[in-house]
Amino acid sequence: MPIIVNLDVMMAKRKISAGELAERVEITPANLSILKNNKAKAVRFSTLEAICRELDCQPGDVLEYVREE
């Protein structure tokens, strides 16, 4: 999939655990794991907004497009 989720990078920069972020964003740890491990097929804007709010970042810091060749 050409969309890469760099959530683990931003979490490391902000020194926040997956469990803590999941709680703050109000999603299950399992759903955060699916997103973090590039297994998600979609993400709600409300979830992305909450992640960006909690990590103090922009959507482009979390999501990256990589052209498939």
N, C-alpha and C. Protein backbone atom coordinates (compact mmCIF):
# COMPACT_ATOMS: atom_id res chain seq x y z
N MET A 1 0.85 -1.18 0.00
CA MET A 1 0.00 0.00 0.00
C MET A 1 0.89 1.24 0.00
N PRO A 2 0.59 2.20 -0.84
CA PRO A 2 1.46 3.38 -0.96
C PRO A 2 1.35 4.39 0.18
N ILE A 3 0.40 4.21 1.10
CA ILE A 3 0.31 5.11 2.25
C ILE A 3 1.00 4.44 3.43
N ILE A 4 2.00 5.10 3.97
CA ILE A 4 2.78 4.58 5.09
C ILE A 4 2.39 5.37 6.34
N VAL A 5 2.15 4.67 7.43
CA VAL A 5 1.81 5.30 8.70
C VAL A 5 3.08 5.35 9.56
N ASN A 6 3.52 6.55 9.86
CA ASN A 6 4.74 6.76 10.66
C ASN A 6 4.39 7.08 12.12
N LEU A 7 3.36 6.44 12.62
CA LEU A 7 2.88 6.72 13.96
C LEU A 7 3.93 6.37 15.01
N ASP A 8 4.62 5.24 14.81
CA ASP A 8 5.62 4.83 15.79
C ASP A 8 6.75 5.85 15.91
N VAL A 9 7.11 6.48 14.80
CA VAL A 9 8.16 7.51 14.82
C VAL A 9 7.72 8.70 15.66
N MET A 10 6.50 9.17 15.41
CA MET A 10 6.00 10.33 16.16
C MET A 10 5.80 9.99 17.63
N MET A 11 5.36 8.78 17.92
CA MET A 11 5.19 8.37 19.32
C MET A 11 6.53 8.35 20.04
N ALA A 12 7.57 7.87 19.36
CA ALA A 12 8.91 7.85 19.96
C ALA A 12 9.42 9.26 20.20
N LYS A 13 9.19 10.16 19.23
CA LYS A 13 9.63 11.55 19.39
C LYS A 13 8.95 12.22 20.57
N ARG A 14 7.67 11.88 20.79
CA ARG A 14 6.90 12.50 21.87
C ARG A 14 6.97 11.70 23.17
N LYS A 15 7.67 10.56 23.13
CA LYS A 15 7.84 9.70 24.31
C LYS A 15 6.50 9.32 24.93
N ILE A 16 5.62 8.77 24.09
CA ILE A 16 4.30 8.33 24.54
C ILE A 16 4.11 6.87 24.14
N SER A 17 3.56 6.09 25.04
CA SER A 17 3.34 4.67 24.76
C SER A 17 2.07 4.48 23.95
N ALA A 18 1.96 3.32 23.33
CA ALA A 18 0.76 3.01 22.56
C ALA A 18 -0.47 2.99 23.46
N GLY A 19 -0.34 2.41 24.62
CA GLY A 19 -1.47 2.35 25.55
C GLY A 19 -1.94 3.73 25.96
N GLU A 20 -0.99 4.62 26.24
CA GLU A 20 -1.35 5.98 26.65
C GLU A 20 -2.00 6.74 25.50
N LEU A 21 -1.44 6.60 24.30
CA LEU A 21 -2.02 7.30 23.14
C LEU A 21 -3.42 6.77 22.85
N ALA A 22 -3.59 5.47 22.89
CA ALA A 22 -4.91 4.88 22.64
C ALA A 22 -5.93 5.43 23.63
N GLU A 23 -5.55 5.51 24.88
CA GLU A 23 -6.46 6.04 25.90
C GLU A 23 -6.80 7.50 25.63
N ARG A 24 -5.80 8.31 25.31
CA ARG A 24 -6.03 9.73 25.06
C ARG A 24 -6.89 9.97 23.81
N VAL A 25 -6.70 9.13 22.79
CA VAL A 25 -7.41 9.28 21.53
C VAL A 25 -8.78 8.59 21.59
N GLU A 26 -8.97 7.78 22.62
CA GLU A 26 -10.21 7.05 22.83
C GLU A 26 -10.48 6.03 21.74
N ILE A 27 -9.44 5.24 21.41
CA ILE A 27 -9.61 4.07 20.56
C ILE A 27 -8.99 2.88 21.29
N THR A 28 -9.31 1.70 20.86
CA THR A 28 -8.78 0.52 21.54
C THR A 28 -7.30 0.36 21.20
N PRO A 29 -6.53 -0.21 22.12
CA PRO A 29 -5.12 -0.50 21.81
C PRO A 29 -4.98 -1.37 20.57
N ALA A 30 -5.93 -2.30 20.35
CA ALA A 30 -5.87 -3.15 19.16
C ALA A 30 -6.02 -2.34 17.88
N ASN A 31 -6.95 -1.38 17.88
CA ASN A 31 -7.12 -0.54 16.69
C ASN A 31 -5.93 0.37 16.46
N LEU A 32 -5.33 0.87 17.52
CA LEU A 32 -4.12 1.68 17.38
C LEU A 32 -2.99 0.83 16.80
N SER A 33 -2.88 -0.40 17.25
CA SER A 33 -1.86 -1.31 16.74
C SER A 33 -2.05 -1.58 15.25
N ILE A 34 -3.29 -1.78 14.83
CA ILE A 34 -3.58 -2.00 13.41
C ILE A 34 -3.14 -0.79 12.59
N LEU A 35 -3.43 0.39 13.08
CA LEU A 35 -3.03 1.62 12.40
C LEU A 35 -1.51 1.77 12.39
N LYS A 36 -0.91 1.55 13.53
CA LYS A 36 0.54 1.73 13.69
C LYS A 36 1.34 0.76 12.82
N ASN A 37 0.79 -0.43 12.59
CA ASN A 37 1.51 -1.45 11.83
C ASN A 37 1.10 -1.51 10.36
N ASN A 38 0.53 -0.41 9.86
CA ASN A 38 0.15 -0.30 8.44
C ASN A 38 -0.82 -1.38 7.98
N LYS A 39 -1.69 -1.84 8.86
CA LYS A 39 -2.68 -2.86 8.51
C LYS A 39 -4.06 -2.25 8.29
N ALA A 40 -4.23 -0.98 8.61
CA ALA A 40 -5.54 -0.32 8.48
C ALA A 40 -5.83 -0.02 7.01
N LYS A 41 -7.09 -0.16 6.64
CA LYS A 41 -7.54 0.17 5.29
C LYS A 41 -8.04 1.61 5.22
N ALA A 42 -8.35 2.19 6.38
CA ALA A 42 -8.88 3.55 6.44
C ALA A 42 -8.66 4.10 7.84
N VAL A 43 -8.73 5.42 7.94
CA VAL A 43 -8.67 6.08 9.25
C VAL A 43 -9.67 7.23 9.22
N ARG A 44 -10.45 7.35 10.26
CA ARG A 44 -11.42 8.45 10.35
C ARG A 44 -10.67 9.76 10.57
N PHE A 45 -11.20 10.82 9.98
CA PHE A 45 -10.60 12.13 10.20
C PHE A 45 -10.64 12.49 11.68
N SER A 46 -11.68 12.10 12.38
CA SER A 46 -11.77 12.42 13.80
C SER A 46 -10.66 11.72 14.59
N THR A 47 -10.32 10.49 14.18
CA THR A 47 -9.22 9.77 14.83
C THR A 47 -7.89 10.43 14.49
N LEU A 48 -7.70 10.77 13.23
CA LEU A 48 -6.47 11.44 12.80
C LEU A 48 -6.32 12.78 13.51
N GLU A 49 -7.42 13.51 13.64
CA GLU A 49 -7.39 14.79 14.35
C GLU A 49 -6.96 14.59 15.80
N ALA A 50 -7.53 13.59 16.46
CA ALA A 50 -7.19 13.33 17.86
C ALA A 50 -5.73 12.91 18.01
N ILE A 51 -5.23 12.11 17.09
CA ILE A 51 -3.82 11.69 17.12
C ILE A 51 -2.93 12.92 16.97
N CYS A 52 -3.24 13.77 16.00
CA CYS A 52 -2.44 14.98 15.77
C CYS A 52 -2.50 15.92 16.98
N ARG A 53 -3.66 16.02 17.60
CA ARG A 53 -3.79 16.86 18.80
C ARG A 53 -2.91 16.33 19.92
N GLU A 54 -2.96 15.02 20.17
CA GLU A 54 -2.22 14.44 21.28
C GLU A 54 -0.71 14.40 21.02
N LEU A 55 -0.32 14.25 19.76
CA LEU A 55 1.11 14.21 19.43
C LEU A 55 1.65 15.57 19.01
N ASP A 56 0.78 16.58 18.99
CA ASP A 56 1.16 17.94 18.59
C ASP A 56 1.90 17.90 17.25
N CYS A 57 1.22 17.37 16.23
CA CYS A 57 1.84 17.23 14.92
C CYS A 57 0.80 17.48 13.83
N GLN A 58 1.24 17.41 12.60
CA GLN A 58 0.38 17.56 11.43
C GLN A 58 0.09 16.19 10.83
N PRO A 59 -1.01 16.03 10.08
CA PRO A 59 -1.29 14.74 9.45
C PRO A 59 -0.13 14.22 8.61
N GLY A 60 0.58 15.11 7.94
CA GLY A 60 1.73 14.71 7.13
C GLY A 60 2.90 14.16 7.94
N ASP A 61 2.91 14.42 9.25
CA ASP A 61 3.93 13.84 10.11
C ASP A 61 3.63 12.37 10.40
N VAL A 62 2.36 12.01 10.26
CA VAL A 62 1.91 10.65 10.59
C VAL A 62 1.72 9.81 9.33
N LEU A 63 1.23 10.42 8.26
CA LEU A 63 0.95 9.72 7.01
C LEU A 63 1.91 10.15 5.92
N GLU A 64 2.34 9.18 5.12
CA GLU A 64 3.29 9.46 4.04
C GLU A 64 2.88 8.67 2.81
N TYR A 65 2.92 9.31 1.65
CA TYR A 65 2.62 8.64 0.39
C TYR A 65 3.92 8.23 -0.28
N VAL A 66 4.02 6.94 -0.65
CA VAL A 66 5.20 6.43 -1.34
C VAL A 66 4.71 5.77 -2.63
N ARG A 67 5.15 6.28 -3.75
CA ARG A 67 4.72 5.76 -5.05
C ARG A 67 5.21 4.33 -5.23
N GLU A 68 4.29 3.45 -5.63
CA GLU A 68 4.68 2.06 -5.94
C GLU A 68 5.16 2.01 -7.37
N GLU A 69 6.20 1.23 -7.59
CA GLU A 69 6.75 1.14 -8.96
C GLU A 69 6.66 -0.26 -9.47
